[in-house]
């Protein structure tokens, strides 16, 4: 009898947790979020850009965005088994202004650090720490090189495609991807070029920051 009661309690608790869903309001640049959820600090093939930032509450997203991101990483474990990834700034639990960003206000904006290889050609994490503003101070050259690191365009393209496919699978979309227009031609030389051209809106406008050491993804999910 005790086991039955415990099972019911656990079932109800699980149902309550699974039923919780974020609600976004307004836009990415003028909005808020109710019931934001935090991304895990690490997984089999990904890590957060900063444990400090995670503890400071800067890695919250809409619940649907979290699901899309984690499922995409899971897909990459199979399609890109030798690649590692790192996500960056997302937003606060309740959204709102998220300095120094102009967006990231309603849980639908996510920054990802650019995947890189080292001098041996191995997939490694771009270093992110307080001295380089958690990676945001890094500047790649016009071909995608920085102090022994090279942008891994195949890994980057594979990630964008995985995110888009997972968003579609869940009934949503990606509004846009912001990545340095001067580096986009290299991205479009990968085996994923046709998919990107056909399905993903890569922003052609130069942003107020370069977006070379990271790429910004805005998800398209209905908000109030």
N, C-alpha and C. Protein backbone atom coordinates (compact mmCIF):
# COMPACT_ATOMS: atom_id res chain seq x y z
N UNK A 1 0.83 -1.21 0.00
CA UNK A 1 0.00 0.00 0.00
C UNK A 1 0.87 1.26 0.00
N UNK A 2 1.98 1.23 0.78
CA UNK A 2 2.89 2.35 0.82
C UNK A 2 3.50 2.61 -0.55
N UNK A 3 3.85 1.52 -1.23
CA UNK A 3 4.45 1.65 -2.55
C UNK A 3 3.47 2.30 -3.52
N UNK A 4 2.19 1.95 -3.42
CA UNK A 4 1.16 2.51 -4.30
C UNK A 4 1.00 4.00 -4.06
N UNK A 5 0.94 4.40 -2.80
CA UNK A 5 0.80 5.83 -2.47
C UNK A 5 2.01 6.61 -2.96
N UNK A 6 3.20 6.05 -2.73
CA UNK A 6 4.43 6.72 -3.16
C UNK A 6 4.46 6.87 -4.67
N UNK A 7 4.01 5.82 -5.36
CA UNK A 7 3.98 5.86 -6.82
C UNK A 7 3.06 6.96 -7.33
N UNK A 8 1.90 7.10 -6.67
CA UNK A 8 0.93 8.13 -7.08
C UNK A 8 1.52 9.51 -6.85
N UNK A 9 2.19 9.70 -5.70
CA UNK A 9 2.79 11.00 -5.39
C UNK A 9 3.85 11.34 -6.42
N UNK A 10 4.72 10.38 -6.73
CA UNK A 10 5.77 10.61 -7.71
C UNK A 10 5.19 10.89 -9.09
N UNK A 11 4.12 10.18 -9.42
CA UNK A 11 3.47 10.38 -10.72
C UNK A 11 2.91 11.79 -10.84
N UNK A 12 2.21 12.23 -9.76
CA UNK A 12 1.62 13.56 -9.78
C UNK A 12 2.70 14.64 -9.82
N UNK A 13 3.80 14.41 -9.11
CA UNK A 13 4.90 15.37 -9.10
C UNK A 13 5.52 15.48 -10.48
N UNK A 14 5.69 14.32 -11.13
CA UNK A 14 6.25 14.30 -12.48
C UNK A 14 5.33 15.01 -13.46
N UNK A 15 4.04 14.75 -13.34
CA UNK A 15 3.06 15.37 -14.24
C UNK A 15 3.06 16.88 -14.07
N UNK A 16 3.19 17.31 -12.81
CA UNK A 16 3.21 18.75 -12.53
C UNK A 16 4.42 19.39 -13.16
N UNK A 17 5.60 18.71 -13.05
CA UNK A 17 6.82 19.25 -13.61
C UNK A 17 6.78 19.29 -15.12
N UNK A 18 6.25 18.22 -15.73
CA UNK A 18 6.24 18.14 -17.19
C UNK A 18 5.22 19.10 -17.79
N UNK A 19 4.20 19.46 -16.98
CA UNK A 19 3.15 20.33 -17.51
C UNK A 19 3.59 21.79 -17.52
N UNK A 20 4.61 22.11 -16.69
CA UNK A 20 5.09 23.49 -16.60
C UNK A 20 5.67 23.93 -17.93
N UNK A 21 5.20 25.05 -18.44
CA UNK A 21 5.68 25.56 -19.71
C UNK A 21 5.83 27.07 -19.62
N UNK A 22 6.92 27.58 -20.17
CA UNK A 22 7.17 29.02 -20.13
C UNK A 22 6.17 29.77 -21.00
N UNK A 23 5.98 31.03 -20.66
CA UNK A 23 5.15 31.93 -21.48
C UNK A 23 6.01 33.15 -21.79
N UNK A 24 6.15 33.45 -23.08
CA UNK A 24 6.93 34.63 -23.46
C UNK A 24 6.00 35.78 -23.82
N UNK A 25 6.49 36.98 -23.61
CA UNK A 25 5.71 38.18 -23.88
C UNK A 25 6.52 39.14 -24.76
N UNK A 26 5.84 39.83 -25.66
CA UNK A 26 6.49 40.84 -26.47
C UNK A 26 7.48 40.27 -27.46
N UNK A 27 8.58 40.99 -27.63
CA UNK A 27 9.59 40.61 -28.63
C UNK A 27 10.93 40.35 -27.96
N UNK A 28 11.89 39.92 -28.76
CA UNK A 28 13.22 39.66 -28.22
C UNK A 28 13.88 40.93 -27.71
N UNK A 29 13.51 42.08 -28.28
CA UNK A 29 14.13 43.35 -27.88
C UNK A 29 13.24 44.19 -26.95
N UNK A 30 12.03 43.72 -26.71
CA UNK A 30 11.12 44.43 -25.80
C UNK A 30 10.10 43.43 -25.26
N UNK A 31 10.55 42.63 -24.31
CA UNK A 31 9.66 41.59 -23.82
C UNK A 31 10.03 41.07 -22.45
N UNK A 32 9.37 39.99 -22.07
CA UNK A 32 9.63 39.36 -20.78
C UNK A 32 9.29 37.88 -20.88
N UNK A 33 9.49 37.17 -19.80
CA UNK A 33 9.32 35.73 -19.79
C UNK A 33 8.76 35.28 -18.45
N UNK A 34 7.83 34.37 -18.48
CA UNK A 34 7.27 33.80 -17.26
C UNK A 34 7.63 32.32 -17.22
N UNK A 35 8.23 31.90 -16.11
CA UNK A 35 8.57 30.49 -15.97
C UNK A 35 9.73 30.05 -16.82
N UNK A 36 10.75 30.91 -16.94
CA UNK A 36 11.95 30.52 -17.69
C UNK A 36 12.64 29.34 -17.03
N UNK A 37 13.34 28.55 -17.83
CA UNK A 37 14.06 27.38 -17.31
C UNK A 37 15.54 27.51 -17.64
N UNK A 38 16.37 26.99 -16.78
CA UNK A 38 17.81 27.14 -16.97
C UNK A 38 18.40 25.97 -17.76
N UNK A 39 19.34 26.29 -18.63
CA UNK A 39 20.04 25.24 -19.35
C UNK A 39 21.01 24.54 -18.41
N UNK A 40 21.20 23.23 -18.58
CA UNK A 40 22.17 22.52 -17.74
C UNK A 40 23.58 23.04 -18.02
N UNK A 41 24.44 22.96 -17.04
CA UNK A 41 25.79 23.51 -17.19
C UNK A 41 26.64 22.70 -18.16
N UNK A 42 26.29 21.42 -18.32
CA UNK A 42 27.04 20.60 -19.27
C UNK A 42 26.27 19.36 -19.65
N UNK A 43 26.71 18.76 -20.75
CA UNK A 43 26.14 17.51 -21.24
C UNK A 43 27.27 16.71 -21.86
N UNK A 44 26.94 15.65 -22.58
CA UNK A 44 27.97 14.79 -23.16
C UNK A 44 28.85 15.53 -24.16
N UNK A 45 28.27 16.46 -24.92
CA UNK A 45 29.05 17.14 -25.96
C UNK A 45 28.96 18.66 -25.88
N UNK A 46 28.53 19.18 -24.72
CA UNK A 46 28.41 20.64 -24.60
C UNK A 46 28.66 21.08 -23.16
N UNK A 47 29.03 22.36 -23.03
CA UNK A 47 29.18 22.97 -21.72
C UNK A 47 28.69 24.41 -21.78
N UNK A 48 28.50 24.99 -20.61
CA UNK A 48 28.17 26.41 -20.51
C UNK A 48 29.45 27.23 -20.67
N UNK A 49 29.31 28.45 -21.11
CA UNK A 49 30.45 29.34 -21.25
C UNK A 49 31.01 29.80 -19.92
N UNK A 50 30.22 29.67 -18.84
CA UNK A 50 30.68 30.15 -17.55
C UNK A 50 29.80 29.65 -16.41
N UNK A 51 30.41 28.99 -15.44
CA UNK A 51 29.66 28.59 -14.25
C UNK A 51 29.26 29.82 -13.45
N UNK A 52 30.10 30.84 -13.48
CA UNK A 52 29.78 32.09 -12.78
C UNK A 52 28.50 32.69 -13.34
N UNK A 53 28.41 32.75 -14.69
CA UNK A 53 27.23 33.31 -15.34
C UNK A 53 25.99 32.46 -15.06
N UNK A 54 26.19 31.15 -15.01
CA UNK A 54 25.06 30.26 -14.70
C UNK A 54 24.53 30.55 -13.30
N UNK A 55 25.44 30.69 -12.35
CA UNK A 55 25.04 30.99 -10.97
C UNK A 55 24.41 32.38 -10.86
N UNK A 56 24.81 33.27 -11.77
CA UNK A 56 24.26 34.63 -11.77
C UNK A 56 22.90 34.69 -12.47
N UNK A 57 22.43 33.54 -12.98
CA UNK A 57 21.10 33.49 -13.60
C UNK A 57 21.04 34.00 -15.02
N UNK A 58 22.15 33.91 -15.77
CA UNK A 58 22.19 34.44 -17.13
C UNK A 58 22.01 33.35 -18.19
N UNK A 59 21.52 32.19 -17.81
CA UNK A 59 21.38 31.09 -18.77
C UNK A 59 19.97 30.49 -18.77
N UNK A 60 18.97 31.37 -18.66
CA UNK A 60 17.57 30.92 -18.70
C UNK A 60 16.97 31.14 -20.09
N UNK A 61 16.07 30.23 -20.47
CA UNK A 61 15.40 30.32 -21.77
C UNK A 61 13.94 29.88 -21.62
N UNK A 62 13.20 30.04 -22.68
CA UNK A 62 11.84 29.49 -22.77
C UNK A 62 11.95 27.97 -22.72
N UNK A 63 11.00 27.31 -22.09
CA UNK A 63 11.04 25.86 -21.94
C UNK A 63 11.12 25.13 -23.29
N UNK A 64 10.44 25.65 -24.31
CA UNK A 64 10.50 25.03 -25.63
C UNK A 64 11.89 25.19 -26.25
N UNK A 65 12.50 26.34 -26.02
CA UNK A 65 13.85 26.58 -26.54
C UNK A 65 14.84 25.61 -25.88
N UNK A 66 14.68 25.42 -24.58
CA UNK A 66 15.54 24.46 -23.87
C UNK A 66 15.42 23.07 -24.48
N UNK A 67 14.20 22.65 -24.75
CA UNK A 67 13.96 21.33 -25.33
C UNK A 67 14.62 21.22 -26.71
N UNK A 68 14.46 22.25 -27.52
CA UNK A 68 15.06 22.24 -28.86
C UNK A 68 16.58 22.15 -28.77
N UNK A 69 17.17 22.97 -27.90
CA UNK A 69 18.63 23.00 -27.76
C UNK A 69 19.18 21.64 -27.31
N UNK A 70 18.58 21.06 -26.28
CA UNK A 70 19.08 19.80 -25.75
C UNK A 70 18.89 18.64 -26.72
N UNK A 71 17.77 18.62 -27.42
CA UNK A 71 17.55 17.57 -28.41
C UNK A 71 18.50 17.70 -29.58
N UNK A 72 18.81 18.95 -29.96
CA UNK A 72 19.77 19.17 -31.05
C UNK A 72 21.16 18.68 -30.64
N UNK A 73 21.56 18.96 -29.42
CA UNK A 73 22.85 18.46 -28.93
C UNK A 73 22.87 16.93 -28.95
N UNK A 74 21.75 16.32 -28.57
CA UNK A 74 21.66 14.86 -28.58
C UNK A 74 21.82 14.31 -30.00
N UNK A 75 21.20 14.98 -30.96
CA UNK A 75 21.33 14.57 -32.37
C UNK A 75 22.78 14.67 -32.84
N UNK A 76 23.48 15.72 -32.38
CA UNK A 76 24.86 15.93 -32.79
C UNK A 76 25.81 14.88 -32.20
N UNK A 77 25.41 14.23 -31.12
CA UNK A 77 26.23 13.16 -30.57
C UNK A 77 26.42 12.06 -31.60
N UNK A 78 25.40 11.88 -32.48
CA UNK A 78 25.47 10.86 -33.51
C UNK A 78 26.05 11.40 -34.82
N UNK A 79 25.56 12.57 -35.24
CA UNK A 79 26.00 13.12 -36.54
C UNK A 79 27.39 13.74 -36.49
N UNK A 80 27.78 14.25 -35.30
CA UNK A 80 29.10 14.88 -35.14
C UNK A 80 29.74 14.36 -33.84
N UNK A 81 30.05 13.07 -33.78
CA UNK A 81 30.49 12.47 -32.51
C UNK A 81 31.82 12.99 -31.97
N UNK A 82 32.64 13.60 -32.80
CA UNK A 82 33.94 14.10 -32.36
C UNK A 82 33.94 15.60 -32.08
N UNK A 83 32.78 16.22 -32.17
CA UNK A 83 32.69 17.68 -31.98
C UNK A 83 32.16 18.03 -30.60
N UNK A 84 32.67 19.14 -30.06
CA UNK A 84 32.16 19.64 -28.78
C UNK A 84 31.63 21.06 -28.98
N UNK A 85 30.66 21.43 -28.15
CA UNK A 85 29.96 22.70 -28.32
C UNK A 85 29.87 23.45 -26.99
N UNK A 86 29.67 24.75 -27.09
CA UNK A 86 29.56 25.59 -25.90
C UNK A 86 28.50 26.67 -26.15
N UNK A 87 27.52 26.74 -25.26
CA UNK A 87 26.54 27.81 -25.39
C UNK A 87 26.96 28.99 -24.52
N UNK A 88 26.41 30.17 -24.80
CA UNK A 88 26.80 31.38 -24.08
C UNK A 88 25.58 32.06 -23.46
N UNK A 89 25.48 33.38 -23.61
CA UNK A 89 24.41 34.15 -22.97
C UNK A 89 23.03 33.76 -23.51
N UNK A 90 22.05 33.72 -22.59
CA UNK A 90 20.67 33.45 -23.01
C UNK A 90 19.74 34.54 -22.47
N UNK A 91 19.50 34.57 -21.18
CA UNK A 91 18.63 35.58 -20.60
C UNK A 91 18.31 35.26 -19.15
N UNK A 92 17.53 36.15 -18.54
CA UNK A 92 17.14 35.95 -17.14
C UNK A 92 15.88 35.10 -17.04
N UNK A 93 15.64 34.57 -15.86
CA UNK A 93 14.49 33.70 -15.62
C UNK A 93 13.17 34.37 -15.97
N UNK A 94 13.04 35.65 -15.67
CA UNK A 94 11.82 36.39 -15.98
C UNK A 94 12.01 37.34 -17.17
N UNK A 95 13.10 37.15 -17.91
CA UNK A 95 13.34 37.98 -19.09
C UNK A 95 13.64 39.43 -18.75
N UNK A 96 13.26 40.32 -19.65
CA UNK A 96 13.52 41.74 -19.45
C UNK A 96 14.90 42.14 -19.94
N UNK A 97 15.27 43.40 -19.68
CA UNK A 97 16.54 43.93 -20.18
C UNK A 97 17.70 43.05 -19.72
N UNK A 98 18.60 42.79 -20.65
CA UNK A 98 19.69 41.85 -20.41
C UNK A 98 20.99 42.46 -20.93
N UNK A 99 21.51 43.40 -20.18
CA UNK A 99 22.70 44.14 -20.61
C UNK A 99 23.92 43.22 -20.66
N UNK A 100 24.81 43.43 -21.68
CA UNK A 100 24.83 44.55 -22.63
C UNK A 100 24.03 44.30 -23.90
N UNK A 101 23.26 43.22 -23.94
CA UNK A 101 22.53 42.85 -25.15
C UNK A 101 21.32 43.75 -25.39
N UNK A 102 20.98 43.90 -26.67
CA UNK A 102 19.79 44.67 -27.04
C UNK A 102 18.57 43.75 -27.14
N UNK A 103 18.82 42.45 -27.22
CA UNK A 103 17.73 41.47 -27.31
C UNK A 103 17.80 40.55 -26.08
N UNK A 104 17.50 39.27 -26.25
CA UNK A 104 17.54 38.30 -25.15
C UNK A 104 16.53 38.62 -24.05
N UNK A 105 15.39 39.22 -24.40
CA UNK A 105 14.46 39.66 -23.36
C UNK A 105 13.27 38.74 -23.10
N UNK A 106 12.96 37.84 -24.03
CA UNK A 106 11.76 37.01 -23.82
C UNK A 106 12.02 35.51 -23.90
N UNK A 107 13.27 35.12 -23.71
CA UNK A 107 13.59 33.69 -23.64
C UNK A 107 13.79 32.99 -24.96
N UNK A 108 13.74 33.75 -26.06
CA UNK A 108 13.85 33.13 -27.39
C UNK A 108 15.18 33.38 -28.08
N UNK A 109 16.08 34.12 -27.42
CA UNK A 109 17.39 34.44 -27.99
C UNK A 109 18.49 33.67 -27.27
N UNK A 110 19.38 33.07 -28.05
CA UNK A 110 20.48 32.29 -27.47
C UNK A 110 21.77 32.58 -28.23
N UNK A 111 22.84 32.82 -27.49
CA UNK A 111 24.18 32.93 -28.08
C UNK A 111 24.90 31.59 -27.91
N UNK A 112 25.61 31.20 -28.96
CA UNK A 112 26.44 30.00 -28.91
C UNK A 112 27.86 30.39 -29.27
N UNK A 113 28.84 29.94 -28.49
CA UNK A 113 30.22 30.21 -28.84
C UNK A 113 30.57 29.43 -30.10
N UNK A 114 31.35 30.04 -30.97
CA UNK A 114 31.71 29.42 -32.24
C UNK A 114 32.56 28.17 -32.02
N UNK A 115 32.17 27.04 -32.60
CA UNK A 115 32.98 25.82 -32.47
C UNK A 115 34.35 26.03 -33.14
N UNK A 116 35.39 25.50 -32.53
CA UNK A 116 36.73 25.68 -33.07
C UNK A 116 37.53 24.39 -33.01
N UNK A 117 38.61 24.36 -33.79
CA UNK A 117 39.59 23.29 -33.72
C UNK A 117 40.92 23.90 -33.27
N UNK A 118 41.76 23.07 -32.67
CA UNK A 118 43.08 23.55 -32.25
C UNK A 118 44.11 23.30 -33.36
N UNK A 119 45.37 23.53 -33.06
CA UNK A 119 46.42 23.39 -34.08
C UNK A 119 46.58 21.96 -34.57
N UNK A 120 46.05 21.00 -33.80
CA UNK A 120 46.10 19.59 -34.21
C UNK A 120 44.86 19.16 -34.98
N UNK A 121 43.92 20.10 -35.14
CA UNK A 121 42.70 19.79 -35.87
C UNK A 121 41.61 19.15 -35.03
N UNK A 122 41.81 19.11 -33.72
CA UNK A 122 40.81 18.51 -32.84
C UNK A 122 39.77 19.54 -32.40
N UNK A 123 38.55 19.09 -32.24
CA UNK A 123 37.47 19.95 -31.77
C UNK A 123 37.69 20.26 -30.30
N UNK A 124 37.75 21.56 -29.99
CA UNK A 124 37.96 22.00 -28.61
C UNK A 124 37.03 23.18 -28.31
N UNK A 125 36.94 23.51 -27.04
CA UNK A 125 36.12 24.66 -26.65
C UNK A 125 36.92 25.95 -26.76
N UNK A 126 36.30 26.97 -27.31
CA UNK A 126 36.89 28.29 -27.31
C UNK A 126 37.02 28.75 -25.86
N UNK A 127 38.19 29.23 -25.43
CA UNK A 127 38.35 29.64 -24.03
C UNK A 127 37.47 30.82 -23.66
N UNK A 128 36.76 30.70 -22.57
CA UNK A 128 35.87 31.77 -22.11
C UNK A 128 36.11 31.98 -20.62
N UNK A 129 36.51 33.19 -20.25
CA UNK A 129 36.83 33.49 -18.85
C UNK A 129 36.71 35.00 -18.65
N UNK A 130 36.74 35.45 -17.40
CA UNK A 130 36.56 36.89 -17.13
C UNK A 130 37.54 37.80 -17.87
N UNK A 131 38.78 37.33 -18.09
CA UNK A 131 39.79 38.18 -18.71
C UNK A 131 39.51 38.46 -20.19
N UNK A 132 38.72 37.62 -20.84
CA UNK A 132 38.34 37.90 -22.24
C UNK A 132 36.83 38.13 -22.36
N UNK A 133 36.25 38.62 -21.26
CA UNK A 133 34.81 38.89 -21.19
C UNK A 133 34.01 37.65 -21.56
N UNK A 134 34.44 36.53 -20.99
CA UNK A 134 33.78 35.23 -21.21
C UNK A 134 33.70 34.87 -22.69
N UNK A 135 34.76 35.23 -23.43
CA UNK A 135 34.85 34.88 -24.84
C UNK A 135 34.41 35.96 -25.79
N UNK A 136 33.61 36.89 -25.30
CA UNK A 136 33.04 37.92 -26.17
C UNK A 136 34.07 38.94 -26.64
N UNK A 137 35.27 38.93 -26.05
CA UNK A 137 36.33 39.85 -26.46
C UNK A 137 37.22 39.28 -27.56
N UNK A 138 37.02 38.01 -27.89
CA UNK A 138 37.84 37.35 -28.90
C UNK A 138 37.52 37.90 -30.28
N UNK A 139 38.55 38.10 -31.09
CA UNK A 139 38.37 38.59 -32.46
C UNK A 139 39.10 37.66 -33.43
N UNK A 140 38.34 36.98 -34.28
CA UNK A 140 38.92 36.15 -35.33
C UNK A 140 39.33 37.03 -36.52
N UNK A 141 40.30 36.55 -37.31
CA UNK A 141 40.65 37.30 -38.51
C UNK A 141 39.64 37.01 -39.61
N UNK A 142 39.86 37.55 -40.78
CA UNK A 142 38.88 37.45 -41.86
C UNK A 142 38.69 36.03 -42.40
N UNK A 143 39.55 35.11 -42.00
CA UNK A 143 39.41 33.72 -42.44
C UNK A 143 38.95 32.82 -41.29
N UNK A 144 38.88 33.38 -40.10
CA UNK A 144 38.38 32.60 -38.97
C UNK A 144 39.46 31.99 -38.11
N UNK A 145 40.59 32.69 -37.95
CA UNK A 145 41.68 32.19 -37.11
C UNK A 145 41.92 33.14 -35.94
N UNK A 146 42.31 32.53 -34.80
CA UNK A 146 42.60 33.33 -33.61
C UNK A 146 43.53 32.55 -32.69
N UNK A 147 44.75 33.00 -32.56
CA UNK A 147 45.72 32.44 -31.61
C UNK A 147 45.74 30.91 -31.54
N UNK A 148 45.90 30.27 -32.69
CA UNK A 148 45.98 28.81 -32.72
C UNK A 148 44.65 28.11 -32.85
N UNK A 149 43.57 28.86 -32.82
CA UNK A 149 42.23 28.28 -33.00
C UNK A 149 41.69 28.64 -34.38
N UNK A 150 40.93 27.73 -34.95
CA UNK A 150 40.30 27.96 -36.25
C UNK A 150 38.81 27.65 -36.14
N UNK A 151 37.97 28.50 -36.70
CA UNK A 151 36.53 28.24 -36.67
C UNK A 151 36.23 26.93 -37.38
N UNK A 152 35.48 26.07 -36.75
CA UNK A 152 35.07 24.79 -37.33
C UNK A 152 33.72 25.01 -38.01
N UNK A 153 33.79 25.38 -39.28
CA UNK A 153 32.57 25.73 -40.01
C UNK A 153 31.63 24.54 -40.19
N UNK A 154 32.20 23.33 -40.34
CA UNK A 154 31.36 22.14 -40.47
C UNK A 154 30.55 21.91 -39.19
N UNK A 155 31.22 22.02 -38.05
CA UNK A 155 30.54 21.82 -36.77
C UNK A 155 29.50 22.90 -36.53
N UNK A 156 29.84 24.14 -36.91
CA UNK A 156 28.92 25.26 -36.74
C UNK A 156 27.67 25.06 -37.59
N UNK A 157 27.88 24.73 -38.86
CA UNK A 157 26.75 24.51 -39.77
C UNK A 157 25.89 23.34 -39.31
N UNK A 158 26.54 22.27 -38.87
CA UNK A 158 25.80 21.10 -38.40
C UNK A 158 24.92 21.46 -37.21
N UNK A 159 25.42 22.33 -36.34
CA UNK A 159 24.64 22.74 -35.17
C UNK A 159 23.42 23.56 -35.57
N UNK A 160 23.61 24.51 -36.47
CA UNK A 160 22.48 25.33 -36.92
C UNK A 160 21.41 24.45 -37.56
N UNK A 161 21.85 23.50 -38.39
CA UNK A 161 20.90 22.60 -39.05
C UNK A 161 20.17 21.74 -38.02
N UNK A 162 20.90 21.24 -37.04
CA UNK A 162 20.27 20.42 -35.99
C UNK A 162 19.24 21.22 -35.21
N UNK A 163 19.56 22.48 -34.90
CA UNK A 163 18.61 23.34 -34.20
C UNK A 163 17.36 23.57 -35.03
N UNK A 164 17.56 23.84 -36.33
CA UNK A 164 16.41 24.10 -37.19
C UNK A 164 15.52 22.87 -37.34
N UNK A 165 16.14 21.72 -37.57
CA UNK A 165 15.37 20.49 -37.74
C UNK A 165 14.59 20.15 -36.47
N UNK A 166 15.20 20.36 -35.32
CA UNK A 166 14.53 20.06 -34.06
C UNK A 166 13.39 21.05 -33.81
N UNK A 167 13.62 22.32 -34.16
CA UNK A 167 12.55 23.32 -34.01
C UNK A 167 11.35 22.94 -34.87
N UNK A 168 11.60 22.55 -36.10
CA UNK A 168 10.53 22.14 -37.01
C UNK A 168 9.81 20.91 -36.47
N UNK A 169 10.58 19.96 -35.94
CA UNK A 169 10.00 18.73 -35.40
C UNK A 169 9.02 19.05 -34.26
N UNK A 170 9.32 20.10 -33.50
CA UNK A 170 8.46 20.47 -32.38
C UNK A 170 7.38 21.47 -32.76
N UNK A 171 7.30 21.79 -34.06
CA UNK A 171 6.24 22.68 -34.53
C UNK A 171 6.58 24.15 -34.51
N UNK A 172 7.89 24.47 -34.44
CA UNK A 172 8.30 25.87 -34.38
C UNK A 172 9.29 26.19 -35.50
N UNK A 173 9.98 27.31 -35.38
CA UNK A 173 10.90 27.73 -36.43
C UNK A 173 12.06 28.49 -35.81
N UNK A 174 13.06 28.75 -36.63
CA UNK A 174 14.12 29.69 -36.26
C UNK A 174 13.87 30.95 -37.06
N UNK A 175 13.77 32.07 -36.35
CA UNK A 175 13.53 33.34 -37.02
C UNK A 175 14.77 33.79 -37.79
N UNK A 176 15.93 33.81 -37.12
CA UNK A 176 17.15 34.24 -37.79
C UNK A 176 18.38 33.74 -37.04
N UNK A 177 19.48 33.71 -37.77
CA UNK A 177 20.78 33.41 -37.19
C UNK A 177 21.70 34.57 -37.54
N UNK A 178 22.33 35.15 -36.52
CA UNK A 178 23.26 36.26 -36.76
C UNK A 178 24.68 35.74 -36.61
N UNK A 179 25.42 35.81 -37.71
CA UNK A 179 26.82 35.40 -37.75
C UNK A 179 27.53 36.33 -38.72
N UNK A 180 28.74 36.74 -38.40
CA UNK A 180 29.48 37.72 -39.19
C UNK A 180 29.32 37.50 -40.70
N UNK A 181 28.70 38.45 -41.41
CA UNK A 181 28.50 38.31 -42.86
C UNK A 181 29.79 38.04 -43.64
N UNK A 182 30.92 38.55 -43.14
CA UNK A 182 32.19 38.33 -43.85
C UNK A 182 32.68 36.90 -43.72
N UNK A 183 32.20 36.18 -42.69
CA UNK A 183 32.59 34.79 -42.49
C UNK A 183 31.56 33.80 -43.03
N UNK A 184 30.38 34.29 -43.37
CA UNK A 184 29.32 33.40 -43.87
C UNK A 184 29.68 32.63 -45.13
N UNK A 185 30.47 33.21 -46.06
CA UNK A 185 30.85 32.42 -47.25
C UNK A 185 31.54 31.11 -46.91
N UNK A 186 32.33 31.07 -45.83
CA UNK A 186 32.98 29.82 -45.42
C UNK A 186 31.95 28.84 -44.88
N UNK A 187 30.96 29.35 -44.19
CA UNK A 187 29.88 28.51 -43.68
C UNK A 187 29.11 27.87 -44.83
N UNK A 188 28.98 28.62 -45.92
CA UNK A 188 28.22 28.13 -47.07
C UNK A 188 29.06 27.31 -48.04
N UNK A 189 30.26 26.94 -47.61
CA UNK A 189 31.08 26.00 -48.37
C UNK A 189 31.06 24.61 -47.75
N UNK A 190 30.33 24.47 -46.66
CA UNK A 190 30.22 23.17 -45.99
C UNK A 190 29.19 22.30 -46.69
N UNK A 191 29.12 21.04 -46.29
CA UNK A 191 28.15 20.13 -46.89
C UNK A 191 26.71 20.47 -46.52
N UNK A 192 26.57 21.39 -45.58
CA UNK A 192 25.23 21.81 -45.14
C UNK A 192 24.76 23.07 -45.86
N UNK A 193 25.53 23.55 -46.82
CA UNK A 193 25.25 24.82 -47.48
C UNK A 193 23.84 24.88 -48.08
N UNK A 194 23.44 23.86 -48.81
CA UNK A 194 22.12 23.88 -49.46
C UNK A 194 21.00 23.96 -48.44
N UNK A 195 21.13 23.19 -47.36
CA UNK A 195 20.09 23.23 -46.33
C UNK A 195 20.01 24.63 -45.72
N UNK A 196 21.14 25.22 -45.43
CA UNK A 196 21.17 26.56 -44.84
C UNK A 196 20.53 27.58 -45.78
N UNK A 197 20.88 27.50 -47.05
CA UNK A 197 20.33 28.44 -48.03
C UNK A 197 18.83 28.29 -48.18
N UNK A 198 18.36 27.04 -48.11
CA UNK A 198 16.94 26.76 -48.34
C UNK A 198 16.05 27.01 -47.12
N UNK A 199 16.63 26.88 -45.92
CA UNK A 199 15.77 26.86 -44.73
C UNK A 199 16.11 27.85 -43.63
N UNK A 200 17.31 28.41 -43.64
CA UNK A 200 17.74 29.25 -42.52
C UNK A 200 18.02 30.67 -42.97
N UNK A 201 17.47 31.62 -42.24
CA UNK A 201 17.72 33.03 -42.54
C UNK A 201 18.97 33.50 -41.82
N UNK A 202 20.06 33.61 -42.58
CA UNK A 202 21.30 34.16 -42.05
C UNK A 202 21.27 35.66 -42.25
N UNK A 203 21.36 36.40 -41.18
CA UNK A 203 21.28 37.85 -41.28
C UNK A 203 22.43 38.42 -42.09
N UNK A 204 22.11 39.24 -43.07
CA UNK A 204 23.12 39.84 -43.94
C UNK A 204 23.55 41.21 -43.45
N UNK A 205 22.83 41.75 -42.49
CA UNK A 205 23.16 43.07 -41.99
C UNK A 205 24.23 42.98 -40.91
N UNK A 206 25.13 43.94 -40.93
CA UNK A 206 26.16 43.99 -39.90
C UNK A 206 25.53 44.42 -38.59
N UNK A 207 25.74 43.64 -37.54
CA UNK A 207 25.17 43.94 -36.24
C UNK A 207 26.04 44.94 -35.50
N UNK A 208 25.54 45.43 -34.35
CA UNK A 208 26.30 46.41 -33.57
C UNK A 208 27.54 45.78 -32.95
N UNK A 209 27.56 44.45 -32.84
CA UNK A 209 28.79 43.72 -32.51
C UNK A 209 29.02 42.69 -33.61
N UNK A 210 30.25 42.27 -33.77
CA UNK A 210 30.62 41.53 -34.97
C UNK A 210 29.99 40.13 -35.11
N UNK A 211 29.85 39.41 -34.03
CA UNK A 211 29.32 38.03 -34.08
C UNK A 211 30.24 37.10 -34.87
N UNK A 212 31.50 37.06 -34.48
CA UNK A 212 32.44 36.10 -35.06
C UNK A 212 32.81 35.03 -34.04
N UNK A 213 32.99 35.44 -32.78
CA UNK A 213 33.32 34.49 -31.72
C UNK A 213 32.06 33.79 -31.19
N UNK A 214 30.90 34.30 -31.59
CA UNK A 214 29.65 33.64 -31.24
C UNK A 214 28.63 33.87 -32.34
N UNK A 215 27.59 33.04 -32.35
CA UNK A 215 26.48 33.24 -33.28
C UNK A 215 25.20 33.28 -32.47
N UNK A 216 24.32 34.17 -32.88
CA UNK A 216 23.10 34.46 -32.16
C UNK A 216 21.93 33.81 -32.89
N UNK A 217 21.11 33.08 -32.16
CA UNK A 217 19.94 32.41 -32.75
C UNK A 217 18.67 32.91 -32.07
N UNK A 218 17.72 33.37 -32.88
CA UNK A 218 16.40 33.76 -32.38
C UNK A 218 15.39 32.72 -32.82
N UNK A 219 14.70 32.14 -31.87
CA UNK A 219 13.69 31.13 -32.18
C UNK A 219 12.33 31.79 -32.38
N UNK A 220 11.52 31.18 -33.21
CA UNK A 220 10.21 31.73 -33.51
C UNK A 220 9.14 30.87 -32.82
N UNK A 221 8.71 31.35 -31.66
CA UNK A 221 7.71 30.66 -30.85
C UNK A 221 6.65 31.70 -30.47
N UNK A 222 5.37 31.37 -30.59
CA UNK A 222 4.32 32.36 -30.31
C UNK A 222 4.41 32.94 -28.90
N UNK A 223 4.29 34.25 -28.80
CA UNK A 223 4.32 34.94 -27.50
C UNK A 223 3.04 35.75 -27.31
N UNK A 224 2.77 36.09 -26.10
CA UNK A 224 1.59 36.91 -25.79
C UNK A 224 1.96 38.39 -25.85
